[in-house]
């Protein structure tokens, strides 16, 4: 059974760039073997990550993320059973929201700033769908 999990968190370390590189490298190393796909969006110290895959694999990965001391304020935004993946092309795609038109954030949040913990999970998922459709996601899986 496939599931989709969406969560948000904040970076603990002020050296966010090296932390982000570490998280992406780790995801791209481990996710293909476990069948997990998804994307990570970053805006300042705020993160949104979407994971898709088997229920057990996604739940175990999320549990590891909650325990990871590089994150704080980890909040589950959405968890659902799905019939197909939306983000199957990425072992872990990446979007830097600082490079996205602020109007796109304003479309889904009360201000032109990432605020997933103050918005419905479906709004954040709609933002991710739009980012994927616009080609804003980088680093597709190798085939």
N, C-alpha and C. Protein backbone atom coordinates (compact mmCIF):
# COMPACT_ATOMS: atom_id res chain seq x y z
N UNK A 1 0.84 -1.18 0.00
CA UNK A 1 0.00 0.00 0.00
C UNK A 1 0.88 1.24 0.00
N UNK A 2 0.58 2.16 -0.89
CA UNK A 2 1.31 3.42 -0.99
C UNK A 2 0.68 4.47 -0.07
N UNK A 3 1.54 5.31 0.51
CA UNK A 3 1.07 6.42 1.33
C UNK A 3 1.85 7.68 0.97
N UNK A 4 1.29 8.81 1.31
CA UNK A 4 1.95 10.10 1.16
C UNK A 4 1.94 10.78 2.52
N UNK A 5 3.09 11.27 2.95
CA UNK A 5 3.23 11.94 4.24
C UNK A 5 3.85 13.31 3.98
N UNK A 6 3.29 14.32 4.59
CA UNK A 6 3.77 15.69 4.46
C UNK A 6 4.02 16.23 5.86
N UNK A 7 5.21 16.78 6.09
CA UNK A 7 5.51 17.36 7.39
C UNK A 7 6.30 18.65 7.20
N UNK A 8 6.38 19.43 8.27
CA UNK A 8 7.23 20.61 8.28
C UNK A 8 8.11 20.56 9.53
N UNK A 9 9.21 21.27 9.47
CA UNK A 9 10.13 21.34 10.62
C UNK A 9 10.97 22.60 10.47
N UNK A 10 11.82 22.83 11.44
CA UNK A 10 12.76 23.94 11.40
C UNK A 10 14.16 23.41 11.65
N UNK A 11 15.13 24.06 11.03
CA UNK A 11 16.53 23.69 11.21
C UNK A 11 16.99 24.11 12.60
N UNK A 12 17.76 23.26 13.23
CA UNK A 12 18.34 23.58 14.54
C UNK A 12 19.60 24.40 14.37
N UNK A 13 20.42 24.02 13.40
CA UNK A 13 21.73 24.61 13.19
C UNK A 13 21.65 25.85 12.30
N UNK A 14 22.38 26.87 12.67
CA UNK A 14 22.44 28.08 11.85
C UNK A 14 23.15 27.81 10.53
N UNK A 15 23.94 26.74 10.46
CA UNK A 15 24.64 26.36 9.22
C UNK A 15 23.70 25.51 8.38
N UNK A 16 22.56 26.07 8.04
CA UNK A 16 21.50 25.37 7.34
C UNK A 16 21.95 24.78 6.02
N UNK A 17 22.82 25.45 5.29
CA UNK A 17 23.23 24.99 3.97
C UNK A 17 23.94 23.65 4.04
N UNK A 18 24.86 23.46 4.97
CA UNK A 18 25.55 22.18 5.08
C UNK A 18 24.59 21.10 5.59
N UNK A 19 23.67 21.47 6.47
CA UNK A 19 22.67 20.53 6.95
C UNK A 19 21.78 20.07 5.80
N UNK A 20 21.36 21.00 4.97
CA UNK A 20 20.52 20.67 3.82
C UNK A 20 21.26 19.72 2.88
N UNK A 21 22.51 20.00 2.61
CA UNK A 21 23.31 19.11 1.75
C UNK A 21 23.37 17.71 2.34
N UNK A 22 23.57 17.62 3.66
CA UNK A 22 23.63 16.32 4.33
C UNK A 22 22.31 15.57 4.22
N UNK A 23 21.20 16.26 4.46
CA UNK A 23 19.88 15.62 4.39
C UNK A 23 19.61 15.13 2.97
N UNK A 24 19.89 15.96 1.99
CA UNK A 24 19.64 15.56 0.60
C UNK A 24 20.51 14.39 0.18
N UNK A 25 21.78 14.43 0.56
CA UNK A 25 22.68 13.33 0.21
C UNK A 25 22.22 12.03 0.86
N UNK A 26 21.84 12.10 2.12
CA UNK A 26 21.37 10.92 2.84
C UNK A 26 20.09 10.38 2.20
N UNK A 27 19.16 11.27 1.85
CA UNK A 27 17.91 10.86 1.21
C UNK A 27 18.17 10.19 -0.12
N UNK A 28 19.02 10.78 -0.91
CA UNK A 28 19.29 10.24 -2.24
C UNK A 28 20.06 8.92 -2.19
N UNK A 29 20.80 8.71 -1.11
CA UNK A 29 21.51 7.44 -0.92
C UNK A 29 20.57 6.33 -0.49
N UNK A 30 19.68 6.61 0.45
CA UNK A 30 18.86 5.57 1.09
C UNK A 30 17.47 5.40 0.50
N UNK A 31 16.86 6.46 0.00
CA UNK A 31 15.46 6.37 -0.45
C UNK A 31 15.23 5.41 -1.61
N UNK A 32 16.09 5.38 -2.64
CA UNK A 32 15.80 4.45 -3.75
C UNK A 32 15.69 2.99 -3.30
N UNK A 33 16.54 2.55 -2.41
CA UNK A 33 16.51 1.15 -1.96
C UNK A 33 15.22 0.83 -1.19
N UNK A 34 14.66 1.81 -0.51
CA UNK A 34 13.44 1.58 0.25
C UNK A 34 12.18 1.97 -0.53
N UNK A 35 12.36 2.45 -1.76
CA UNK A 35 11.21 2.81 -2.58
C UNK A 35 10.54 4.10 -2.19
N UNK A 36 11.24 4.96 -1.47
CA UNK A 36 10.68 6.24 -1.03
C UNK A 36 11.06 7.33 -2.03
N UNK A 37 10.08 8.12 -2.42
CA UNK A 37 10.30 9.28 -3.29
C UNK A 37 9.74 10.51 -2.60
N UNK A 38 10.04 11.69 -3.14
CA UNK A 38 9.47 12.89 -2.54
C UNK A 38 10.22 14.14 -2.89
N UNK A 39 10.01 15.16 -2.06
CA UNK A 39 10.67 16.44 -2.28
C UNK A 39 10.83 17.19 -0.97
N UNK A 40 11.79 18.10 -0.98
CA UNK A 40 12.10 18.92 0.18
C UNK A 40 12.11 20.38 -0.27
N UNK A 41 11.34 21.21 0.42
CA UNK A 41 11.32 22.66 0.15
C UNK A 41 11.91 23.36 1.36
N UNK A 42 12.70 24.39 1.06
CA UNK A 42 13.40 25.13 2.11
C UNK A 42 13.13 26.62 1.94
N UNK A 43 12.88 27.28 3.06
CA UNK A 43 12.74 28.73 3.08
C UNK A 43 13.30 29.21 4.41
N UNK A 44 14.50 29.76 4.37
CA UNK A 44 15.15 30.16 5.62
C UNK A 44 15.42 28.93 6.46
N UNK A 45 14.95 28.94 7.70
CA UNK A 45 15.14 27.77 8.57
C UNK A 45 13.97 26.79 8.48
N UNK A 46 12.95 27.12 7.70
CA UNK A 46 11.75 26.29 7.59
C UNK A 46 11.88 25.27 6.47
N UNK A 47 11.42 24.05 6.78
CA UNK A 47 11.44 22.95 5.83
C UNK A 47 10.04 22.38 5.66
N UNK A 48 9.74 21.95 4.43
CA UNK A 48 8.57 21.13 4.16
C UNK A 48 9.12 19.92 3.42
N UNK A 49 8.72 18.73 3.85
CA UNK A 49 9.14 17.54 3.13
C UNK A 49 7.94 16.65 2.89
N UNK A 50 7.88 16.12 1.67
CA UNK A 50 6.84 15.18 1.28
C UNK A 50 7.52 13.86 0.99
N UNK A 51 6.96 12.79 1.55
CA UNK A 51 7.49 11.44 1.34
C UNK A 51 6.39 10.56 0.77
N UNK A 52 6.72 9.75 -0.23
CA UNK A 52 5.78 8.79 -0.79
C UNK A 52 6.45 7.43 -0.85
N UNK A 53 5.68 6.39 -0.60
CA UNK A 53 6.21 5.03 -0.67
C UNK A 53 5.33 4.09 0.11
N UNK A 54 5.88 2.91 0.42
CA UNK A 54 5.15 1.94 1.21
C UNK A 54 4.90 2.46 2.62
N UNK A 55 3.78 2.03 3.20
CA UNK A 55 3.40 2.52 4.54
C UNK A 55 4.52 2.31 5.56
N UNK A 56 5.06 1.11 5.65
CA UNK A 56 6.09 0.83 6.64
C UNK A 56 7.34 1.68 6.41
N UNK A 57 7.78 1.78 5.16
CA UNK A 57 9.00 2.52 4.85
C UNK A 57 8.83 4.01 5.16
N UNK A 58 7.71 4.58 4.78
CA UNK A 58 7.47 6.01 5.02
C UNK A 58 7.33 6.28 6.52
N UNK A 59 6.62 5.42 7.23
CA UNK A 59 6.45 5.62 8.67
C UNK A 59 7.77 5.50 9.40
N UNK A 60 8.59 4.51 9.04
CA UNK A 60 9.90 4.36 9.68
C UNK A 60 10.80 5.57 9.41
N UNK A 61 10.77 6.05 8.17
CA UNK A 61 11.57 7.22 7.82
C UNK A 61 11.10 8.45 8.60
N UNK A 62 9.80 8.66 8.68
CA UNK A 62 9.27 9.79 9.43
C UNK A 62 9.67 9.69 10.91
N UNK A 63 9.57 8.51 11.48
CA UNK A 63 9.98 8.33 12.88
C UNK A 63 11.45 8.69 13.07
N UNK A 64 12.30 8.32 12.12
CA UNK A 64 13.73 8.68 12.19
C UNK A 64 13.91 10.19 12.09
N UNK A 65 13.13 10.83 11.24
CA UNK A 65 13.20 12.28 11.07
C UNK A 65 12.81 12.99 12.37
N UNK A 66 11.75 12.52 13.02
CA UNK A 66 11.30 13.12 14.27
C UNK A 66 12.41 13.04 15.33
N UNK A 67 13.18 11.95 15.32
CA UNK A 67 14.26 11.77 16.30
C UNK A 67 15.56 12.46 15.88
N UNK A 68 15.65 12.93 14.65
CA UNK A 68 16.87 13.54 14.11
C UNK A 68 17.11 14.89 14.79
N UNK A 69 18.28 15.05 15.40
CA UNK A 69 18.54 16.28 16.15
C UNK A 69 18.88 17.48 15.26
N UNK A 70 18.83 17.32 13.94
CA UNK A 70 19.02 18.46 13.04
C UNK A 70 17.72 19.24 12.85
N UNK A 71 16.59 18.66 13.30
CA UNK A 71 15.27 19.28 13.16
C UNK A 71 14.70 19.65 14.52
N UNK A 72 13.84 20.63 14.53
CA UNK A 72 13.03 20.93 15.71
C UNK A 72 11.62 21.27 15.22
N UNK A 73 10.68 21.20 16.09
CA UNK A 73 9.28 21.53 15.78
C UNK A 73 8.77 20.74 14.57
N UNK A 74 9.04 19.43 14.55
CA UNK A 74 8.55 18.58 13.46
C UNK A 74 7.04 18.41 13.64
N UNK A 75 6.28 18.75 12.60
CA UNK A 75 4.82 18.69 12.66
C UNK A 75 4.28 17.94 11.45
N UNK A 76 3.45 16.94 11.70
CA UNK A 76 2.78 16.20 10.64
C UNK A 76 1.67 17.06 10.07
N UNK A 77 1.68 17.28 8.76
CA UNK A 77 0.66 18.10 8.11
C UNK A 77 -0.40 17.26 7.43
N UNK A 78 0.02 16.11 6.89
CA UNK A 78 -0.92 15.27 6.15
C UNK A 78 -0.35 13.86 6.04
N UNK A 79 -1.24 12.87 6.13
CA UNK A 79 -0.88 11.48 5.90
C UNK A 79 -2.07 10.83 5.24
N UNK A 80 -1.84 10.22 4.08
CA UNK A 80 -2.96 9.61 3.36
C UNK A 80 -2.51 8.40 2.55
N UNK A 81 -3.44 7.47 2.37
CA UNK A 81 -3.23 6.36 1.46
C UNK A 81 -3.44 6.91 0.05
N UNK A 82 -2.61 6.45 -0.89
CA UNK A 82 -2.71 6.95 -2.27
C UNK A 82 -2.71 5.77 -3.24
N UNK A 83 -3.28 5.99 -4.41
CA UNK A 83 -3.29 4.94 -5.43
C UNK A 83 -2.10 5.07 -6.37
N UNK A 84 -1.52 6.28 -6.41
CA UNK A 84 -0.33 6.49 -7.23
C UNK A 84 0.47 7.66 -6.67
N UNK A 85 1.75 7.67 -7.01
CA UNK A 85 2.63 8.74 -6.55
C UNK A 85 2.48 9.98 -7.42
N UNK A 86 2.68 11.13 -6.83
CA UNK A 86 2.75 12.39 -7.57
C UNK A 86 4.20 12.79 -7.82
N UNK A 87 5.10 12.32 -6.99
CA UNK A 87 6.49 12.75 -7.03
C UNK A 87 7.44 11.57 -7.26
N UNK A 88 7.06 10.69 -8.16
CA UNK A 88 7.84 9.46 -8.40
C UNK A 88 9.16 9.72 -9.12
N UNK A 89 9.32 10.86 -9.75
CA UNK A 89 10.54 11.15 -10.51
C UNK A 89 11.71 11.59 -9.64
N UNK A 90 11.47 11.78 -8.34
CA UNK A 90 12.54 12.29 -7.48
C UNK A 90 12.80 11.37 -6.30
N UNK A 91 14.07 10.92 -6.14
CA UNK A 91 14.43 10.21 -4.91
C UNK A 91 14.34 11.22 -3.76
N UNK A 92 14.67 12.47 -4.06
CA UNK A 92 14.39 13.59 -3.16
C UNK A 92 14.64 14.87 -3.95
N UNK A 93 13.57 15.39 -4.54
CA UNK A 93 13.66 16.66 -5.25
C UNK A 93 13.85 17.79 -4.27
N UNK A 94 14.27 18.93 -4.78
CA UNK A 94 14.59 20.06 -3.91
C UNK A 94 14.09 21.35 -4.53
N UNK A 95 13.55 22.22 -3.69
CA UNK A 95 13.13 23.55 -4.11
C UNK A 95 13.60 24.55 -3.06
N UNK A 96 14.26 25.60 -3.51
CA UNK A 96 14.62 26.71 -2.62
C UNK A 96 13.55 27.77 -2.82
N UNK A 97 12.67 27.93 -1.84
CA UNK A 97 11.54 28.85 -1.99
C UNK A 97 11.96 30.31 -2.06
N UNK A 98 13.21 30.61 -1.72
CA UNK A 98 13.70 31.99 -1.86
C UNK A 98 13.78 32.38 -3.34
N UNK A 99 13.82 31.37 -4.22
CA UNK A 99 13.92 31.63 -5.65
C UNK A 99 12.57 31.56 -6.36
N UNK A 100 11.50 31.40 -5.59
CA UNK A 100 10.15 31.28 -6.14
C UNK A 100 9.45 32.62 -6.02
N UNK A 101 8.61 32.94 -7.00
CA UNK A 101 7.82 34.17 -6.97
C UNK A 101 7.01 34.23 -5.67
N UNK A 102 7.16 35.29 -4.87
CA UNK A 102 6.41 35.40 -3.61
C UNK A 102 4.90 35.31 -3.79
N UNK A 103 4.41 35.68 -4.96
CA UNK A 103 2.98 35.57 -5.22
C UNK A 103 2.48 34.15 -5.15
N UNK A 104 3.34 33.19 -5.47
CA UNK A 104 2.94 31.79 -5.39
C UNK A 104 2.72 31.38 -3.92
N UNK A 105 3.57 31.84 -3.03
CA UNK A 105 3.37 31.56 -1.61
C UNK A 105 2.12 32.25 -1.09
N UNK A 106 1.89 33.46 -1.54
CA UNK A 106 0.70 34.22 -1.11
C UNK A 106 -0.58 33.53 -1.57
N UNK A 107 -0.50 32.79 -2.65
CA UNK A 107 -1.66 32.05 -3.15
C UNK A 107 -2.13 31.00 -2.13
N UNK A 108 -1.19 30.43 -1.36
CA UNK A 108 -1.53 29.32 -0.46
C UNK A 108 -1.44 29.65 1.03
N UNK A 109 -0.77 30.76 1.37
CA UNK A 109 -0.59 31.12 2.78
C UNK A 109 -1.08 32.54 3.00
N UNK A 110 -1.26 32.95 4.25
CA UNK A 110 -1.80 34.28 4.55
C UNK A 110 -0.83 35.40 4.21
N UNK A 111 0.46 35.08 4.15
CA UNK A 111 1.50 36.04 3.75
C UNK A 111 2.40 35.36 2.74
N UNK A 112 3.22 36.13 2.07
CA UNK A 112 4.14 35.58 1.07
C UNK A 112 5.35 34.97 1.76
N UNK A 113 5.07 34.11 2.72
CA UNK A 113 6.10 33.45 3.51
C UNK A 113 5.62 32.03 3.80
N UNK A 114 6.55 31.12 3.79
CA UNK A 114 6.21 29.72 4.08
C UNK A 114 5.65 29.63 5.49
N UNK A 115 4.45 29.08 5.63
CA UNK A 115 3.82 28.94 6.95
C UNK A 115 2.96 27.69 6.98
N UNK A 116 3.55 26.52 6.75
CA UNK A 116 2.74 25.30 6.64
C UNK A 116 2.05 24.89 7.93
N UNK A 117 2.61 25.20 9.08
CA UNK A 117 1.96 24.79 10.33
C UNK A 117 0.75 25.65 10.65
N UNK A 118 0.54 26.73 9.90
CA UNK A 118 -0.62 27.61 10.10
C UNK A 118 -1.60 27.54 8.95
N UNK A 119 -1.46 26.51 8.11
CA UNK A 119 -2.33 26.35 6.94
C UNK A 119 -2.75 24.89 6.83
N UNK A 120 -3.83 24.63 6.12
CA UNK A 120 -4.22 23.23 5.91
C UNK A 120 -3.15 22.47 5.13
N UNK A 121 -2.96 21.21 5.46
CA UNK A 121 -2.01 20.38 4.74
C UNK A 121 -2.29 20.34 3.25
N UNK A 122 -3.57 20.39 2.88
CA UNK A 122 -3.93 20.33 1.44
C UNK A 122 -3.44 21.59 0.71
N UNK A 123 -3.34 22.72 1.40
CA UNK A 123 -2.81 23.94 0.77
C UNK A 123 -1.32 23.77 0.49
N UNK A 124 -0.60 23.20 1.44
CA UNK A 124 0.83 22.98 1.24
C UNK A 124 1.05 21.95 0.14
N UNK A 125 0.22 20.91 0.10
CA UNK A 125 0.33 19.91 -0.97
C UNK A 125 0.03 20.55 -2.33
N UNK A 126 -0.94 21.45 -2.39
CA UNK A 126 -1.25 22.15 -3.64
C UNK A 126 -0.06 23.00 -4.09
N UNK A 127 0.62 23.63 -3.15
CA UNK A 127 1.83 24.40 -3.47
C UNK A 127 2.88 23.47 -4.09
N UNK A 128 3.10 22.31 -3.48
CA UNK A 128 4.09 21.36 -4.01
C UNK A 128 3.70 20.87 -5.39
N UNK A 129 2.42 20.62 -5.61
CA UNK A 129 1.94 20.22 -6.94
C UNK A 129 2.27 21.30 -7.97
N UNK A 130 2.02 22.55 -7.60
CA UNK A 130 2.28 23.66 -8.53
C UNK A 130 3.77 23.83 -8.79
N UNK A 131 4.59 23.65 -7.76
CA UNK A 131 6.04 23.73 -7.95
C UNK A 131 6.52 22.63 -8.89
N UNK A 132 5.98 21.43 -8.75
CA UNK A 132 6.36 20.33 -9.64
C UNK A 132 5.94 20.62 -11.07
N UNK A 133 4.72 21.12 -11.24
CA UNK A 133 4.21 21.43 -12.58
C UNK A 133 5.00 22.54 -13.25
N UNK A 134 5.54 23.46 -12.46
CA UNK A 134 6.26 24.60 -13.02
C UNK A 134 7.73 24.30 -13.32
N UNK A 135 8.19 23.12 -12.91
CA UNK A 135 9.59 22.77 -13.15
C UNK A 135 10.54 23.34 -12.11
N UNK A 136 10.02 23.76 -10.97
CA UNK A 136 10.87 24.37 -9.93
C UNK A 136 11.66 23.34 -9.14
N UNK A 137 11.29 22.06 -9.24
CA UNK A 137 11.97 21.01 -8.49
C UNK A 137 13.22 20.59 -9.26
N UNK A 138 14.33 20.47 -8.55
CA UNK A 138 15.59 20.06 -9.17
C UNK A 138 16.04 18.72 -8.62
N UNK A 139 16.96 18.09 -9.32
CA UNK A 139 17.60 16.83 -8.97
C UNK A 139 16.63 15.66 -9.05
N UNK A 140 16.37 15.23 -10.27
CA UNK A 140 15.58 14.04 -10.51
C UNK A 140 16.42 12.80 -10.22
N UNK A 141 15.76 11.68 -10.03
CA UNK A 141 16.48 10.43 -9.81
C UNK A 141 17.23 10.04 -11.07
N UNK A 142 18.32 9.35 -10.89
CA UNK A 142 19.09 8.84 -12.02
C UNK A 142 18.39 7.62 -12.57
N UNK A 143 18.35 7.47 -13.88
CA UNK A 143 17.73 6.28 -14.49
C UNK A 143 18.73 5.55 -15.33
